[in-house]
Amino acid sequence: MDWQIRLMRYEDLSAITNVECTALHISKEKSRNTSFLEIALINNPNGCLVGVSGGCIVGYIITMITGNVGWIGSIEVSLSQGGNGMKLALLNEAIKLLSKKAAVTAIQLPNESIRFIQKCIELGFQLVEPQIVLSKKTKLLSSFKEKNVVSILELEETFGVTNIITLMAEKKLGKIITLETEKTPAGKLLLETQPRRLNSSTGYSLITFGNVIRNLTAQPLKTILTIAGKEAMKLNSETLYIALNGFYRNELQILIECGWKVVKISQRLIYKKSVSSYKQTLAKPFIDISQWTL
């Protein structure tokens, strides 16, 4: 093995964007906004790693921790210098680090990543629910009237979103949207206000992290998305994107009936040793509307 793995540093960010451009065959003009990578480093400085060969960074892995969930985000390696061996080594090391800090270790991968999904299963991950990305035109969202939400539940930090969305808002990467009931908050999410890639279109907005009280009518969810849609319109965004886990079948059906369109499906995998803790987290009466990736 002619390469080594070490913790990521802030001074590595420029090299990391170069690796990503090489691995994904994109120009530097469309590289990642490093401000989002900084968020991951602040959130979990001892869980973001780089692979080094010949003194140069040729691979990296981003991880974050929200609540009791440690999730694995981007993994990219320059194939000409590192190959799949480094990719799996980075993944194995990230699993070890996250398992020490979080009750649940998770990763989400696009459907087309069939080979890597297979590798993750071989490493001890278990396929659970699909992650559904939906979109809706903001002008359609803004036409709905917000309704008062009544809830006897108190919003809990089930998915640990407050710290991360507060940090992203402080870094001017997003705006916090809250839903208030008569007595207590019923929902909280982050609407991104900066593009993730340089020179990218600003005609859309993403909801990155969110936690909303769950009920049969999905009224809290529909209402906070209406509020988010109106805020997105102020940013001149034509489309709003959210991600909802397949576990929330009722909410997915309701949103689709309200005009939301399914645009992408990814697969969520949970490290087998943490599946039980993951199921306990999902069983709570709150909806996770987090993208789980930066």
Protein backbone atom coordinates (compact mmCIF):
# COMPACT_ATOMS: atom_id res chain seq x y z
CA MET A 1 0.00 0.00 0.00
CA ASP A 2 1.65 3.23 -1.15
CA TRP A 3 -0.90 5.56 0.44
CA GLN A 4 -2.09 6.48 3.92
CA ILE A 5 -5.26 7.78 5.56
CA ARG A 6 -5.30 10.75 7.93
CA LEU A 7 -7.76 13.27 9.36
CA MET A 8 -8.88 16.05 7.06
CA ARG A 9 -7.63 19.59 7.70
CA TYR A 10 -8.97 22.97 6.63
CA GLU A 11 -5.96 23.50 4.39
CA ASP A 12 -6.95 20.33 2.49
CA LEU A 13 -10.20 21.76 1.13
CA SER A 14 -8.72 23.10 -2.10
CA ALA A 15 -7.08 19.76 -2.86
CA ILE A 16 -10.33 17.97 -2.06
CA THR A 17 -12.23 19.97 -4.65
CA ASN A 18 -9.54 19.03 -7.19
CA VAL A 19 -10.02 15.34 -6.36
CA GLU A 20 -13.77 15.68 -6.79
CA CYS A 21 -13.40 17.41 -10.15
CA THR A 22 -11.07 14.64 -11.35
CA ALA A 23 -13.25 11.81 -10.03
CA LEU A 24 -16.50 13.26 -11.39
CA HIS A 25 -15.01 14.67 -14.60
CA ILE A 26 -16.24 18.20 -13.95
CA SER A 27 -14.52 21.56 -14.42
CA LYS A 28 -13.17 23.58 -11.50
CA GLU A 29 -15.70 26.28 -12.38
CA LYS A 30 -18.41 23.84 -11.22
CA SER A 31 -16.58 22.55 -8.15
CA ARG A 32 -18.11 22.27 -4.71
CA ASN A 33 -18.62 25.33 -2.54
CA THR A 34 -16.05 24.62 0.18
CA SER A 35 -18.20 26.40 2.78
CA PHE A 36 -20.35 23.25 2.92
CA LEU A 37 -17.27 21.09 3.51
CA GLU A 38 -16.27 23.39 6.36
CA ILE A 39 -19.61 22.63 8.03
CA ALA A 40 -18.74 18.92 8.08
CA LEU A 41 -15.29 19.65 9.52
CA ILE A 42 -16.77 21.77 12.30
CA ASN A 43 -19.47 19.18 13.03
CA ASN A 44 -17.21 16.12 13.08
CA PRO A 45 -13.51 17.07 12.85
CA ASN A 46 -12.39 13.59 13.90
CA GLY A 47 -14.50 11.82 11.30
CA CYS A 48 -13.59 13.46 7.98
CA LEU A 49 -10.64 11.75 6.30
CA VAL A 50 -8.30 12.06 3.32
CA GLY A 51 -6.21 9.50 1.47
CA VAL A 52 -2.67 10.63 0.65
CA SER A 53 -0.33 9.15 -1.97
CA GLY A 54 3.09 10.55 -2.82
CA GLY A 55 2.40 13.56 -0.64
CA CYS A 56 -0.78 14.43 -2.57
CA ILE A 57 -4.41 14.06 -1.53
CA VAL A 58 -6.06 11.58 -3.90
CA GLY A 59 -9.22 10.69 -1.96
CA TYR A 60 -11.53 11.82 0.82
CA ILE A 61 -14.62 10.93 2.82
CA ILE A 62 -17.03 13.32 4.55
CA THR A 63 -18.97 12.27 7.67
CA MET A 64 -21.30 14.10 10.05
CA ILE A 65 -23.19 13.40 13.26
CA THR A 66 -26.73 14.64 13.91
CA GLY A 67 -28.36 13.45 17.11
CA ASN A 68 -27.67 9.74 17.51
CA VAL A 69 -27.01 9.22 13.79
CA GLY A 70 -23.56 9.25 12.25
CA TRP A 71 -23.82 9.40 8.50
CA ILE A 72 -21.35 8.97 5.69
CA GLY A 73 -21.55 11.58 2.97
CA SER A 74 -19.35 12.06 -0.08
CA ILE A 75 -16.60 9.53 -0.89
CA GLU A 76 -14.43 10.35 -3.87
CA VAL A 77 -11.11 8.94 -5.04
CA SER A 78 -8.99 9.78 -8.06
CA LEU A 79 -9.06 6.36 -9.72
CA SER A 80 -5.76 6.89 -11.50
CA GLN A 81 -3.99 7.25 -8.15
CA GLY A 82 -6.04 5.51 -5.50
CA GLY A 83 -8.60 3.15 -6.95
CA ASN A 84 -11.30 1.19 -5.16
CA GLY A 85 -8.83 -0.07 -2.55
CA MET A 86 -8.53 3.41 -1.08
CA LYS A 87 -12.27 4.01 -1.32
CA LEU A 88 -13.02 0.93 0.77
CA ALA A 89 -10.23 1.77 3.21
CA LEU A 90 -11.67 5.27 3.73
CA LEU A 91 -15.13 3.77 4.25
CA ASN A 92 -13.88 1.18 6.75
CA GLU A 93 -12.05 3.80 8.78
CA ALA A 94 -15.09 6.10 8.78
CA ILE A 95 -17.29 3.25 10.04
CA LYS A 96 -14.90 2.64 12.94
CA LEU A 97 -14.83 6.31 13.91
CA LEU A 98 -18.61 6.81 13.66
CA SER A 99 -19.38 3.62 15.57
CA LYS A 100 -17.51 5.04 18.57
CA LYS A 101 -19.56 8.26 18.61
CA ALA A 102 -23.04 7.50 17.27
CA ALA A 103 -25.67 4.85 17.99
CA VAL A 104 -26.51 4.61 14.28
CA THR A 105 -24.16 4.55 11.29
CA ALA A 106 -25.81 5.27 7.94
CA ILE A 107 -25.04 5.92 4.29
CA GLN A 108 -27.25 6.89 1.34
CA LEU A 109 -26.35 6.05 -2.23
CA PRO A 110 -28.03 6.72 -5.58
CA ASN A 111 -29.70 3.75 -7.27
CA GLU A 112 -27.13 3.74 -10.04
CA SER A 113 -24.29 3.02 -7.56
CA ILE A 114 -25.09 -0.69 -7.72
CA ARG A 115 -21.52 -1.95 -7.27
CA PHE A 116 -20.80 0.30 -4.32
CA ILE A 117 -24.11 -0.63 -2.69
CA GLN A 118 -23.02 -4.26 -2.99
CA LYS A 119 -19.65 -3.43 -1.41
CA CYS A 120 -21.37 -1.69 1.50
CA ILE A 121 -23.56 -4.75 2.08
CA GLU A 122 -20.42 -6.92 2.10
CA LEU A 123 -18.92 -4.58 4.73
CA GLY A 124 -21.91 -5.11 7.03
CA PHE A 125 -24.53 -2.59 5.94
CA GLN A 126 -28.19 -3.50 5.57
CA LEU A 127 -30.58 -1.97 3.05
CA VAL A 128 -33.53 -0.32 4.76
CA GLU A 129 -35.88 2.21 3.16
CA PRO A 130 -35.41 4.23 -0.02
CA GLN A 131 -34.88 7.97 0.31
CA ILE A 132 -37.32 9.85 -1.91
CA VAL A 133 -36.43 13.29 -3.30
CA LEU A 134 -39.47 15.36 -4.25
CA SER A 135 -39.91 18.75 -5.88
CA LYS A 136 -42.64 21.33 -6.29
CA LYS A 137 -42.88 24.72 -7.96
CA THR A 138 -42.67 27.48 -5.37
CA LYS A 139 -45.49 29.45 -6.98
CA LEU A 140 -47.80 26.49 -6.35
CA LEU A 141 -46.65 26.24 -2.75
CA SER A 142 -47.15 29.94 -2.13
CA SER A 143 -50.75 29.74 -3.32
CA PHE A 144 -51.72 27.60 -0.33
CA LYS A 145 -52.91 29.32 2.82
CA GLU A 146 -51.04 28.47 5.98
CA LYS A 147 -53.20 26.77 8.57
CA ASN A 148 -52.92 26.92 12.33
CA VAL A 149 -51.36 23.72 13.62
CA VAL A 150 -52.57 22.23 16.87
CA SER A 151 -50.34 19.67 18.55
CA ILE A 152 -50.13 18.13 22.00
CA LEU A 153 -46.60 16.93 21.26
CA GLU A 154 -43.43 18.84 21.95
CA LEU A 155 -40.79 18.83 19.24
CA GLU A 156 -37.80 16.78 20.38
CA GLU A 157 -34.24 16.70 19.15
CA THR A 158 -34.80 13.22 17.74
CA PHE A 159 -32.56 13.78 14.76
CA GLY A 160 -30.28 16.40 16.30
CA VAL A 161 -30.94 19.02 13.65
CA THR A 162 -30.84 22.19 15.75
CA ASN A 163 -27.06 22.39 16.11
CA ILE A 164 -26.33 21.75 12.45
CA ILE A 165 -28.96 24.10 11.05
CA THR A 166 -27.93 26.82 13.50
CA LEU A 167 -24.33 26.44 12.34
CA MET A 168 -25.31 26.59 8.66
CA ALA A 169 -27.45 29.67 9.27
CA GLU A 170 -24.55 31.37 11.09
CA LYS A 171 -22.33 30.64 8.08
CA LYS A 172 -24.93 32.31 5.81
CA LEU A 173 -25.59 29.05 3.97
CA GLY A 174 -29.26 28.84 4.86
CA LYS A 175 -32.25 30.23 6.71
CA ILE A 176 -34.00 28.53 9.61
CA ILE A 177 -37.73 28.00 9.11
CA THR A 178 -39.82 27.23 12.19
CA LEU A 179 -43.43 26.20 12.64
CA GLU A 180 -45.07 27.37 15.85
CA THR A 181 -48.21 26.00 17.46
CA GLU A 182 -50.16 27.74 20.19
CA LYS A 183 -47.88 26.33 22.85
CA THR A 184 -44.74 24.80 21.36
CA PRO A 185 -42.67 24.54 18.16
CA ALA A 186 -44.00 21.87 15.79
CA GLY A 187 -41.27 21.92 13.16
CA LYS A 188 -37.87 23.26 12.24
CA LEU A 189 -35.88 23.06 9.00
CA LEU A 190 -33.07 24.70 7.10
CA LEU A 191 -33.69 26.25 3.68
CA GLU A 192 -30.38 26.56 1.86
CA THR A 193 -29.71 30.04 0.51
CA GLN A 194 -26.36 29.38 -1.19
CA PRO A 195 -25.64 27.01 -4.10
CA ARG A 196 -23.60 23.93 -3.30
CA ARG A 197 -21.57 24.29 -6.46
CA LEU A 198 -19.86 27.30 -8.00
CA ASN A 199 -21.59 28.92 -10.97
CA SER A 200 -24.64 26.69 -10.50
CA SER A 201 -28.21 27.68 -11.19
CA THR A 202 -29.99 29.56 -8.42
CA GLY A 203 -33.40 28.65 -9.78
CA TYR A 204 -34.04 26.13 -7.02
CA SER A 205 -33.78 25.76 -3.25
CA LEU A 206 -33.04 22.75 -1.06
CA ILE A 207 -34.25 21.79 2.38
CA THR A 208 -31.16 20.29 3.97
CA PHE A 209 -32.10 19.28 7.50
CA GLY A 210 -35.49 19.19 9.18
CA ASN A 211 -37.60 17.73 11.96
CA VAL A 212 -41.41 18.03 12.05
CA ILE A 213 -44.10 16.64 14.33
CA ARG A 214 -45.95 13.74 12.72
CA ASN A 215 -49.72 13.18 12.57
CA LEU A 216 -52.24 11.41 10.33
CA THR A 217 -53.05 14.45 8.19
CA ALA A 218 -49.42 15.59 7.80
CA GLN A 219 -50.67 19.13 8.42
CA PRO A 220 -47.52 20.28 10.27
CA LEU A 221 -45.38 19.04 7.37
CA LYS A 222 -47.56 20.63 4.69
CA THR A 223 -47.68 23.92 6.56
CA ILE A 224 -43.94 24.26 7.16
CA LEU A 225 -43.28 23.38 3.51
CA THR A 226 -45.69 26.13 2.47
CA ILE A 227 -43.74 28.59 4.62
CA ALA A 228 -40.47 27.33 3.12
CA GLY A 229 -41.88 27.69 -0.39
CA LYS A 230 -42.74 31.34 0.21
CA GLU A 231 -39.25 32.00 1.55
CA ALA A 232 -37.73 30.24 -1.48
CA MET A 233 -39.73 32.52 -3.77
CA LYS A 234 -38.07 35.51 -2.12
CA LEU A 235 -34.76 33.99 -3.27
CA ASN A 236 -36.12 33.84 -6.83
CA SER A 237 -36.22 30.05 -6.63
CA GLU A 238 -38.71 28.42 -8.96
CA THR A 239 -38.51 24.94 -7.43
CA LEU A 240 -38.20 23.57 -3.90
CA TYR A 241 -36.64 20.16 -3.22
CA ILE A 242 -37.05 17.98 -0.15
CA ALA A 243 -36.00 14.45 0.81
CA LEU A 244 -38.35 12.13 2.68
CA ASN A 245 -37.57 8.63 3.85
CA GLY A 246 -39.68 5.77 2.50
CA PHE A 247 -40.66 4.91 6.08
CA TYR A 248 -43.07 7.85 6.00
CA ARG A 249 -45.47 6.28 3.49
CA ASN A 250 -48.51 8.25 4.62
CA GLU A 251 -46.73 11.58 4.35
CA LEU A 252 -45.29 10.70 0.94
CA GLN A 253 -48.73 9.80 -0.36
CA ILE A 254 -50.22 13.03 0.98
CA LEU A 255 -47.47 15.20 -0.55
CA ILE A 256 -47.79 13.48 -3.93
CA GLU A 257 -51.55 14.05 -3.82
CA CYS A 258 -50.77 17.72 -3.11
CA GLY A 259 -48.71 18.01 -6.28
CA TRP A 260 -45.18 17.10 -5.20
CA LYS A 261 -43.25 15.13 -7.84
CA VAL A 262 -40.79 12.30 -7.23
CA VAL A 263 -37.55 13.25 -9.00
CA LYS A 264 -34.95 10.89 -7.55
CA ILE A 265 -34.65 7.79 -5.40
CA SER A 266 -31.63 6.79 -3.34
CA GLN A 267 -31.02 3.81 -1.10
CA ARG A 268 -30.42 4.16 2.62
CA LEU A 269 -28.16 1.59 4.26
CA ILE A 270 -27.64 1.14 8.00
CA TYR A 271 -24.69 -0.62 9.58
CA LYS A 272 -26.15 -3.90 10.84
CA LYS A 273 -25.01 -3.45 14.43
CA SER A 274 -27.05 -0.23 14.65
CA VAL A 275 -30.27 -1.27 12.85
CA SER A 276 -32.14 -1.75 16.14
CA SER A 277 -31.27 1.77 17.36
CA TYR A 278 -32.22 3.16 13.95
CA LYS A 279 -35.68 1.57 14.07
CA GLN A 280 -36.25 2.97 17.56
CA THR A 281 -35.41 6.46 16.30
CA LEU A 282 -37.79 6.19 13.34
CA ALA A 283 -40.60 4.97 15.59
CA LYS A 284 -40.83 8.34 17.36
CA PRO A 285 -43.66 10.69 16.28
CA PHE A 286 -41.42 13.04 14.29
CA ILE A 287 -40.55 13.26 10.60
CA ASP A 288 -36.95 13.49 9.45
CA ILE A 289 -36.78 15.60 6.27
CA SER A 290 -33.00 15.75 6.09
CA GLN A 291 -30.94 15.26 2.95
CA TRP A 292 -28.15 13.71 5.05
CA THR A 293 -25.45 14.87 2.68
CA LEU A 294 -23.40 17.98 1.99
